[in-house]
Full PDB file with SEQRES, HELIX, SHEET, SSBOND, CRYST1, ORIGX, SCALE, CONECT and MASTER records, all heavy atoms in Angstrom:
SEQRES   1 A   32  GLN ASN ALA PRO THR GLN ASN PRO PHE ALA PRO GLU THR          
SEQRES   2 A   32  ILE LEU ILE PRO HIS GLN GLY MET ALA ARG TRP LEU THR          
SEQRES   3 A   32  GLN VAL ILE ALA ILE ARG                                      
HELIX    1 AA1 GLN A   19  ILE A   31  1                                  13    
CRYST1    1.000    1.000    1.000  90.00  90.00  90.00 P 1           1          
ORIGX1      1.000000  0.000000  0.000000        0.00000                         
ORIGX2      0.000000  1.000000  0.000000        0.00000                         
ORIGX3      0.000000  0.000000  1.000000        0.00000                         
SCALE1      1.000000  0.000000  0.000000        0.00000                         
SCALE2      0.000000  1.000000  0.000000        0.00000                         
SCALE3      0.000000  0.000000  1.000000        0.00000                         
ATOM      1  N   GLN A   1      -5.281  10.226  -0.845  1.00  0.00           N  
ATOM      2  CA  GLN A   1      -6.393   9.851  -1.712  1.00  0.00           C  
ATOM      3  C   GLN A   1      -7.057  11.086  -2.309  1.00  0.00           C  
ATOM      4  O   GLN A   1      -7.623  11.040  -3.398  1.00  0.00           O  
ATOM      5  CB  GLN A   1      -7.421   9.017  -0.939  1.00  0.00           C  
ATOM      6  CG  GLN A   1      -6.957   7.610  -0.630  1.00  0.00           C  
ATOM      7  CD  GLN A   1      -7.961   6.841   0.204  1.00  0.00           C  
ATOM      8  OE1 GLN A   1      -8.986   7.370   0.626  1.00  0.00           O  
ATOM      9  NE2 GLN A   1      -7.668   5.563   0.441  1.00  0.00           N  
ATOM     10  N   ASN A   2      -7.003  12.202  -1.587  1.00  0.00           N  
ATOM     11  CA  ASN A   2      -7.578  13.451  -2.074  1.00  0.00           C  
ATOM     12  C   ASN A   2      -6.603  14.236  -2.943  1.00  0.00           C  
ATOM     13  O   ASN A   2      -6.939  15.298  -3.458  1.00  0.00           O  
ATOM     14  CB  ASN A   2      -8.018  14.319  -0.894  1.00  0.00           C  
ATOM     15  CG  ASN A   2      -9.107  13.646  -0.083  1.00  0.00           C  
ATOM     16  OD1 ASN A   2      -9.974  12.990  -0.643  1.00  0.00           O  
ATOM     17  ND2 ASN A   2      -9.044  13.790   1.233  1.00  0.00           N  
ATOM     18  N   ALA A   3      -5.364  13.733  -3.050  1.00  0.00           N  
ATOM     19  CA  ALA A   3      -4.353  14.361  -3.911  1.00  0.00           C  
ATOM     20  C   ALA A   3      -3.735  13.273  -4.764  1.00  0.00           C  
ATOM     21  O   ALA A   3      -2.603  12.862  -4.535  1.00  0.00           O  
ATOM     22  CB  ALA A   3      -3.304  15.064  -3.072  1.00  0.00           C  
ATOM     23  N   PRO A   4      -4.495  12.747  -5.726  1.00  0.00           N  
ATOM     24  CA  PRO A   4      -4.057  11.561  -6.478  1.00  0.00           C  
ATOM     25  C   PRO A   4      -2.814  11.817  -7.304  1.00  0.00           C  
ATOM     26  O   PRO A   4      -2.458  12.940  -7.610  1.00  0.00           O  
ATOM     27  CB  PRO A   4      -5.261  11.260  -7.385  1.00  0.00           C  
ATOM     28  CG  PRO A   4      -5.952  12.584  -7.526  1.00  0.00           C  
ATOM     29  CD  PRO A   4      -5.754  13.285  -6.215  1.00  0.00           C  
ATOM     30  N   THR A   5      -2.156  10.735  -7.660  1.00  0.00           N  
ATOM     31  CA  THR A   5      -1.001  10.806  -8.537  1.00  0.00           C  
ATOM     32  C   THR A   5      -1.460  11.193  -9.934  1.00  0.00           C  
ATOM     33  O   THR A   5      -2.654  11.300 -10.211  1.00  0.00           O  
ATOM     34  CB  THR A   5      -0.286   9.445  -8.583  1.00  0.00           C  
ATOM     35  OG1 THR A   5      -1.220   8.470  -9.041  1.00  0.00           O  
ATOM     36  CG2 THR A   5       0.236   9.049  -7.218  1.00  0.00           C  
ATOM     37  N   GLN A   6      -0.520  11.398 -10.816  1.00  0.00           N  
ATOM     38  CA  GLN A   6      -0.864  11.798 -12.183  1.00  0.00           C  
ATOM     39  C   GLN A   6      -1.802  10.786 -12.831  1.00  0.00           C  
ATOM     40  O   GLN A   6      -2.713  11.141 -13.555  1.00  0.00           O  
ATOM     41  CB  GLN A   6       0.408  11.959 -13.009  1.00  0.00           C  
ATOM     42  CG  GLN A   6       0.166  12.507 -14.409  1.00  0.00           C  
ATOM     43  CD  GLN A   6       1.462  12.773 -15.131  1.00  0.00           C  
ATOM     44  OE1 GLN A   6       2.545  12.589 -14.573  1.00  0.00           O  
ATOM     45  NE2 GLN A   6       1.381  13.204 -16.383  1.00  0.00           N  
ATOM     46  N   ASN A   7      -1.587   9.540 -12.559  1.00  0.00           N  
ATOM     47  CA  ASN A   7      -2.471   8.477 -13.018  1.00  0.00           C  
ATOM     48  C   ASN A   7      -3.310   8.014 -11.828  1.00  0.00           C  
ATOM     49  O   ASN A   7      -2.789   7.388 -10.918  1.00  0.00           O  
ATOM     50  CB  ASN A   7      -1.656   7.317 -13.585  1.00  0.00           C  
ATOM     51  CG  ASN A   7      -2.526   6.158 -14.035  1.00  0.00           C  
ATOM     52  OD1 ASN A   7      -3.759   6.206 -13.947  1.00  0.00           O  
ATOM     53  ND2 ASN A   7      -1.896   5.102 -14.517  1.00  0.00           N  
ATOM     54  N   PRO A   8      -4.609   8.295 -11.814  1.00  0.00           N  
ATOM     55  CA  PRO A   8      -5.431   7.941 -10.649  1.00  0.00           C  
ATOM     56  C   PRO A   8      -5.551   6.444 -10.418  1.00  0.00           C  
ATOM     57  O   PRO A   8      -5.963   6.006  -9.345  1.00  0.00           O  
ATOM     58  CB  PRO A   8      -6.788   8.566 -10.981  1.00  0.00           C  
ATOM     59  CG  PRO A   8      -6.795   8.688 -12.472  1.00  0.00           C  
ATOM     60  CD  PRO A   8      -5.381   8.972 -12.855  1.00  0.00           C  
ATOM     61  N   PHE A   9      -5.205   5.655 -11.427  1.00  0.00           N  
ATOM     62  CA  PHE A   9      -5.276   4.202 -11.287  1.00  0.00           C  
ATOM     63  C   PHE A   9      -3.929   3.587 -10.905  1.00  0.00           C  
ATOM     64  O   PHE A   9      -3.821   2.377 -10.747  1.00  0.00           O  
ATOM     65  CB  PHE A   9      -5.787   3.576 -12.583  1.00  0.00           C  
ATOM     66  CG  PHE A   9      -7.163   4.031 -12.976  1.00  0.00           C  
ATOM     67  CD1 PHE A   9      -7.330   4.940 -13.998  1.00  0.00           C  
ATOM     68  CD2 PHE A   9      -8.281   3.555 -12.308  1.00  0.00           C  
ATOM     69  CE1 PHE A   9      -8.595   5.375 -14.358  1.00  0.00           C  
ATOM     70  CE2 PHE A   9      -9.547   3.980 -12.661  1.00  0.00           C  
ATOM     71  CZ  PHE A   9      -9.719   4.897 -13.680  1.00  0.00           C  
ATOM     72  N   ALA A  10      -2.908   4.416 -10.796  1.00  0.00           N  
ATOM     73  CA  ALA A  10      -1.584   3.910 -10.427  1.00  0.00           C  
ATOM     74  C   ALA A  10      -1.593   3.442  -8.980  1.00  0.00           C  
ATOM     75  O   ALA A  10      -2.118   4.136  -8.094  1.00  0.00           O  
ATOM     76  CB  ALA A  10      -0.536   5.002 -10.620  1.00  0.00           C  
ATOM     77  N   PRO A  11      -1.040   2.276  -8.702  1.00  0.00           N  
ATOM     78  CA  PRO A  11      -1.018   1.788  -7.311  1.00  0.00           C  
ATOM     79  C   PRO A  11      -0.042   2.568  -6.454  1.00  0.00           C  
ATOM     80  O   PRO A  11       0.896   3.189  -6.965  1.00  0.00           O  
ATOM     81  CB  PRO A  11      -0.573   0.327  -7.471  1.00  0.00           C  
ATOM     82  CG  PRO A  11       0.232   0.329  -8.738  1.00  0.00           C  
ATOM     83  CD  PRO A  11      -0.416   1.337  -9.638  1.00  0.00           C  
ATOM     84  N   GLU A  12      -0.278   2.552  -5.170  1.00  0.00           N  
ATOM     85  CA  GLU A  12       0.677   3.119  -4.223  1.00  0.00           C  
ATOM     86  C   GLU A  12       1.834   2.140  -4.066  1.00  0.00           C  
ATOM     87  O   GLU A  12       1.633   0.947  -3.853  1.00  0.00           O  
ATOM     88  CB  GLU A  12       0.019   3.364  -2.865  1.00  0.00           C  
ATOM     89  CG  GLU A  12      -0.950   4.524  -2.820  1.00  0.00           C  
ATOM     90  CD  GLU A  12      -0.245   5.870  -2.790  1.00  0.00           C  
ATOM     91  OE1 GLU A  12       1.002   5.894  -2.667  1.00  0.00           O  
ATOM     92  OE2 GLU A  12      -0.942   6.897  -2.881  1.00  0.00           O  
ATOM     93  N   THR A  13       3.042   2.646  -4.198  1.00  0.00           N  
ATOM     94  CA  THR A  13       4.237   1.807  -4.062  1.00  0.00           C  
ATOM     95  C   THR A  13       4.750   1.878  -2.636  1.00  0.00           C  
ATOM     96  O   THR A  13       4.991   2.961  -2.106  1.00  0.00           O  
ATOM     97  CB  THR A  13       5.335   2.275  -5.031  1.00  0.00           C  
ATOM     98  OG1 THR A  13       4.860   2.169  -6.381  1.00  0.00           O  
ATOM     99  CG2 THR A  13       6.598   1.429  -4.862  1.00  0.00           C  
ATOM    100  N   ILE A  14       4.911   0.706  -2.024  1.00  0.00           N  
ATOM    101  CA  ILE A  14       5.392   0.621  -0.651  1.00  0.00           C  
ATOM    102  C   ILE A  14       6.609  -0.292  -0.625  1.00  0.00           C  
ATOM    103  O   ILE A  14       6.515  -1.471  -0.978  1.00  0.00           O  
ATOM    104  CB  ILE A  14       4.307   0.082   0.305  1.00  0.00           C  
ATOM    105  CG1 ILE A  14       3.040   0.948   0.217  1.00  0.00           C  
ATOM    106  CG2 ILE A  14       4.826   0.033   1.738  1.00  0.00           C  
ATOM    107  CD1 ILE A  14       1.870   0.397   1.014  1.00  0.00           C  
ATOM    108  N   LEU A  15       7.753   0.246  -0.242  1.00  0.00           N  
ATOM    109  CA  LEU A  15       8.969  -0.554  -0.133  1.00  0.00           C  
ATOM    110  C   LEU A  15       9.044  -1.152   1.265  1.00  0.00           C  
ATOM    111  O   LEU A  15       8.899  -0.449   2.270  1.00  0.00           O  
ATOM    112  CB  LEU A  15      10.201   0.317  -0.408  1.00  0.00           C  
ATOM    113  CG  LEU A  15      10.234   1.058  -1.744  1.00  0.00           C  
ATOM    114  CD1 LEU A  15      11.598   1.717  -1.943  1.00  0.00           C  
ATOM    115  CD2 LEU A  15       9.915   0.122  -2.906  1.00  0.00           C  
ATOM    116  N   ILE A  16       9.293  -2.453   1.312  1.00  0.00           N  
ATOM    117  CA  ILE A  16       9.298  -3.173   2.591  1.00  0.00           C  
ATOM    118  C   ILE A  16      10.568  -4.036   2.683  1.00  0.00           C  
ATOM    119  O   ILE A  16      11.179  -4.363   1.661  1.00  0.00           O  
ATOM    120  CB  ILE A  16       8.027  -4.044   2.760  1.00  0.00           C  
ATOM    121  CG1 ILE A  16       7.562  -4.650   1.410  1.00  0.00           C  
ATOM    122  CG2 ILE A  16       6.874  -3.197   3.278  1.00  0.00           C  
ATOM    123  CD1 ILE A  16       8.185  -5.920   1.062  1.00  0.00           C  
ATOM    124  N   PRO A  17      10.976  -4.427   3.889  1.00  0.00           N  
ATOM    125  CA  PRO A  17      12.205  -5.217   4.026  1.00  0.00           C  
ATOM    126  C   PRO A  17      12.070  -6.653   3.540  1.00  0.00           C  
ATOM    127  O   PRO A  17      13.045  -7.272   3.124  1.00  0.00           O  
ATOM    128  CB  PRO A  17      12.490  -5.169   5.532  1.00  0.00           C  
ATOM    129  CG  PRO A  17      11.171  -4.876   6.166  1.00  0.00           C  
ATOM    130  CD  PRO A  17      10.420  -4.022   5.190  1.00  0.00           C  
ATOM    131  N   HIS A  18      10.860  -7.207   3.594  1.00  0.00           N  
ATOM    132  CA  HIS A  18      10.632  -8.590   3.153  1.00  0.00           C  
ATOM    133  C   HIS A  18       9.133  -8.777   2.919  1.00  0.00           C  
ATOM    134  O   HIS A  18       8.304  -7.967   3.370  1.00  0.00           O  
ATOM    135  CB  HIS A  18      11.154  -9.597   4.191  1.00  0.00           C  
ATOM    136  CG  HIS A  18      10.685  -9.320   5.585  1.00  0.00           C  
ATOM    137  ND1 HIS A  18       9.422  -9.627   6.022  1.00  0.00           N  
ATOM    138  CD2 HIS A  18      11.314  -8.733   6.637  1.00  0.00           C  
ATOM    139  CE1 HIS A  18       9.290  -9.267   7.298  1.00  0.00           C  
ATOM    140  NE2 HIS A  18      10.417  -8.714   7.687  1.00  0.00           N  
ATOM    141  N   GLN A  19       8.780  -9.849   2.223  1.00  0.00           N  
ATOM    142  CA  GLN A  19       7.384 -10.056   1.853  1.00  0.00           C  
ATOM    143  C   GLN A  19       6.504 -10.406   3.049  1.00  0.00           C  
ATOM    144  O   GLN A  19       5.286 -10.209   3.000  1.00  0.00           O  
ATOM    145  CB  GLN A  19       7.281 -11.150   0.775  1.00  0.00           C  
ATOM    146  CG  GLN A  19       7.780 -10.700  -0.595  1.00  0.00           C  
ATOM    147  CD  GLN A  19       7.038  -9.493  -1.124  1.00  0.00           C  
ATOM    148  OE1 GLN A  19       5.850  -9.313  -0.885  1.00  0.00           O  
ATOM    149  NE2 GLN A  19       7.741  -8.642  -1.868  1.00  0.00           N  
ATOM    150  N   GLY A  20       7.105 -10.916   4.104  1.00  0.00           N  
ATOM    151  CA  GLY A  20       6.329 -11.154   5.321  1.00  0.00           C  
ATOM    152  C   GLY A  20       5.733  -9.855   5.851  1.00  0.00           C  
ATOM    153  O   GLY A  20       4.595  -9.828   6.338  1.00  0.00           O  
ATOM    154  N   MET A  21       6.498  -8.777   5.746  1.00  0.00           N  
ATOM    155  CA  MET A  21       6.013  -7.465   6.160  1.00  0.00           C  
ATOM    156  C   MET A  21       4.853  -7.019   5.274  1.00  0.00           C  
ATOM    157  O   MET A  21       3.906  -6.380   5.750  1.00  0.00           O  
ATOM    158  CB  MET A  21       7.142  -6.439   6.101  1.00  0.00           C  
ATOM    159  CG  MET A  21       6.757  -5.061   6.615  1.00  0.00           C  
ATOM    160  SD  MET A  21       6.417  -5.047   8.389  1.00  0.00           S  
ATOM    161  CE  MET A  21       8.106  -5.211   9.036  1.00  0.00           C  
ATOM    162  N   ALA A  22       4.911  -7.344   3.994  1.00  0.00           N  
ATOM    163  CA  ALA A  22       3.821  -6.982   3.079  1.00  0.00           C  
ATOM    164  C   ALA A  22       2.521  -7.661   3.489  1.00  0.00           C  
ATOM    165  O   ALA A  22       1.453  -7.032   3.490  1.00  0.00           O  
ATOM    166  CB  ALA A  22       4.195  -7.373   1.653  1.00  0.00           C  
ATOM    167  N   ARG A  23       2.588  -8.942   3.858  1.00  0.00           N  
ATOM    168  CA  ARG A  23       1.384  -9.661   4.276  1.00  0.00           C  
ATOM    169  C   ARG A  23       0.811  -9.059   5.561  1.00  0.00           C  
ATOM    170  O   ARG A  23      -0.397  -8.883   5.686  1.00  0.00           O  
ATOM    171  CB  ARG A  23       1.705 -11.148   4.460  1.00  0.00           C  
ATOM    172  CG  ARG A  23       1.984 -11.874   3.140  1.00  0.00           C  
ATOM    173  CD  ARG A  23       2.097 -13.367   3.338  1.00  0.00           C  
ATOM    174  NE  ARG A  23       3.305 -13.738   4.056  1.00  0.00           N  
ATOM    175  CZ  ARG A  23       4.472 -13.983   3.480  1.00  0.00           C  
ATOM    176  NH1 ARG A  23       4.598 -13.872   2.167  1.00  0.00           N  
ATOM    177  NH2 ARG A  23       5.526 -14.337   4.197  1.00  0.00           N  
ATOM    178  N   TRP A  24       1.709  -8.736   6.494  1.00  0.00           N  
ATOM    179  CA  TRP A  24       1.250  -8.155   7.758  1.00  0.00           C  
ATOM    180  C   TRP A  24       0.611  -6.786   7.523  1.00  0.00           C  
ATOM    181  O   TRP A  24      -0.468  -6.489   8.060  1.00  0.00           O  
ATOM    182  CB  TRP A  24       2.433  -8.030   8.727  1.00  0.00           C  
ATOM    183  CG  TRP A  24       2.047  -7.439  10.050  1.00  0.00           C  
ATOM    184  CD1 TRP A  24       1.468  -8.083  11.102  1.00  0.00           C  
ATOM    185  CD2 TRP A  24       2.213  -6.067  10.460  1.00  0.00           C  
ATOM    186  NE1 TRP A  24       1.264  -7.206  12.144  1.00  0.00           N  
ATOM    187  CE2 TRP A  24       1.701  -5.966  11.783  1.00  0.00           C  
ATOM    188  CE3 TRP A  24       2.737  -4.938   9.843  1.00  0.00           C  
ATOM    189  CZ2 TRP A  24       1.705  -4.761  12.487  1.00  0.00           C  
ATOM    190  CZ3 TRP A  24       2.743  -3.734  10.543  1.00  0.00           C  
ATOM    191  CH2 TRP A  24       2.237  -3.648  11.843  1.00  0.00           C  
ATOM    192  N   LEU A  25       1.259  -5.947   6.708  1.00  0.00           N  
ATOM    193  CA  LEU A  25       0.735  -4.611   6.433  1.00  0.00           C  
ATOM    194  C   LEU A  25      -0.619  -4.684   5.726  1.00  0.00           C  
ATOM    195  O   LEU A  25      -1.526  -3.896   6.023  1.00  0.00           O  
ATOM    196  CB  LEU A  25       1.717  -3.825   5.570  1.00  0.00           C  
ATOM    197  CG  LEU A  25       2.659  -2.856   6.282  1.00  0.00           C  
ATOM    198  CD1 LEU A  25       3.559  -2.166   5.256  1.00  0.00           C  
ATOM    199  CD2 LEU A  25       1.899  -1.826   7.092  1.00  0.00           C  
ATOM    200  N   THR A  26      -0.750  -5.609   4.798  1.00  0.00           N  
ATOM    201  CA  THR A  26      -2.021  -5.758   4.078  1.00  0.00           C  
ATOM    202  C   THR A  26      -3.142  -6.071   5.050  1.00  0.00           C  
ATOM    203  O   THR A  26      -4.245  -5.500   4.964  1.00  0.00           O  
ATOM    204  CB  THR A  26      -1.910  -6.873   3.026  1.00  0.00           C  
ATOM    205  OG1 THR A  26      -0.871  -6.538   2.092  1.00  0.00           O  
ATOM    206  CG2 THR A  26      -3.216  -7.033   2.274  1.00  0.00           C  
ATOM    207  N   GLN A  27      -2.870  -6.972   5.996  1.00  0.00           N  
ATOM    208  CA  GLN A  27      -3.885  -7.320   6.993  1.00  0.00           C  
ATOM    209  C   GLN A  27      -4.218  -6.126   7.886  1.00  0.00           C  
ATOM    210  O   GLN A  27      -5.389  -5.839   8.151  1.00  0.00           O  
ATOM    211  CB  GLN A  27      -3.395  -8.493   7.846  1.00  0.00           C  
ATOM    212  CG  GLN A  27      -3.288  -9.799   7.083  1.00  0.00           C  
ATOM    213  CD  GLN A  27      -2.718 -10.917   7.938  1.00  0.00           C  
ATOM    214  OE1 GLN A  27      -2.185 -10.688   9.019  1.00  0.00           O  
ATOM    215  NE2 GLN A  27      -2.825 -12.148   7.457  1.00  0.00           N  
ATOM    216  N   VAL A  28      -3.191  -5.409   8.326  1.00  0.00           N  
ATOM    217  CA  VAL A  28      -3.404  -4.263   9.212  1.00  0.00           C  
ATOM    218  C   VAL A  28      -4.217  -3.181   8.503  1.00  0.00           C  
ATOM    219  O   VAL A  28      -5.171  -2.619   9.070  1.00  0.00           O  
ATOM    220  CB  VAL A  28      -2.052  -3.686   9.691  1.00  0.00           C  
ATOM    221  CG1 VAL A  28      -2.254  -2.347  10.385  1.00  0.00           C  
ATOM    222  CG2 VAL A  28      -1.363  -4.670  10.629  1.00  0.00           C  
ATOM    223  N   ILE A  29      -3.851  -2.870   7.262  1.00  0.00           N  
ATOM    224  CA  ILE A  29      -4.565  -1.839   6.510  1.00  0.00           C  
ATOM    225  C   ILE A  29      -6.018  -2.249   6.286  1.00  0.00           C  
ATOM    226  O   ILE A  29      -6.945  -1.436   6.426  1.00  0.00           O  
ATOM    227  CB  ILE A  29      -3.860  -1.571   5.170  1.00  0.00           C  
ATOM    228  CG1 ILE A  29      -2.484  -0.940   5.416  1.00  0.00           C  
ATOM    229  CG2 ILE A  29      -4.702  -0.664   4.281  1.00  0.00           C  
ATOM    230  CD1 ILE A  29      -1.622  -0.828   4.173  1.00  0.00           C  
ATOM    231  N   ALA A  30      -6.243  -3.522   5.951  1.00  0.00           N  
ATOM    232  CA  ALA A  30      -7.604  -4.006   5.712  1.00  0.00           C  
ATOM    233  C   ALA A  30      -8.446  -3.936   6.979  1.00  0.00           C  
ATOM    234  O   ALA A  30      -9.620  -3.539   6.948  1.00  0.00           O  
ATOM    235  CB  ALA A  30      -7.562  -5.428   5.175  1.00  0.00           C  
ATOM    236  N   ILE A  31      -7.859  -4.307   8.108  1.00  0.00           N  
ATOM    237  CA  ILE A  31      -8.600  -4.301   9.371  1.00  0.00           C  
ATOM    238  C   ILE A  31      -8.957  -2.874   9.790  1.00  0.00           C  
ATOM    239  O   ILE A  31     -10.076  -2.590  10.222  1.00  0.00           O  
ATOM    240  CB  ILE A  31      -7.776  -4.990  10.478  1.00  0.00           C  
ATOM    241  CG1 ILE A  31      -7.687  -6.502  10.206  1.00  0.00           C  
ATOM    242  CG2 ILE A  31      -8.386  -4.740  11.849  1.00  0.00           C  
ATOM    243  CD1 ILE A  31      -6.720  -7.238  11.112  1.00  0.00           C  
ATOM    244  N   ARG A  32      -8.015  -1.956   9.627  1.00  0.00           N  
ATOM    245  CA  ARG A  32      -8.223  -0.590  10.129  1.00  0.00           C  
ATOM    246  C   ARG A  32      -9.025   0.293   9.176  1.00  0.00           C  
ATOM    247  O   ARG A  32      -9.656   1.253   9.621  1.00  0.00           O  
ATOM    248  CB  ARG A  32      -6.870   0.064  10.423  1.00  0.00           C  
ATOM    249  CG  ARG A  32      -6.105  -0.609  11.542  1.00  0.00           C  
ATOM    250  CD  ARG A  32      -4.818   0.132  11.859  1.00  0.00           C  
ATOM    251  NE  ARG A  32      -3.994  -0.609  12.814  1.00  0.00           N  
ATOM    252  CZ  ARG A  32      -2.780  -0.240  13.189  1.00  0.00           C  
ATOM    253  NH1 ARG A  32      -2.252   0.869  12.697  1.00  0.00           N  
ATOM    254  NH2 ARG A  32      -2.088  -0.971  14.042  1.00  0.00           N  
TER     255      ARG A  32                                                      
MASTER        0    0    0    1    0    0    0    6  254    1    0    3          
END                                                                             
């Protein structure tokens, strides 16, 4: 976050094995 990409509004890209993992990660990141 302190070393932003060239476009500060560009989202972080996260490759995951399936969308179930995306839902779990979103919850974990939000909680922590």
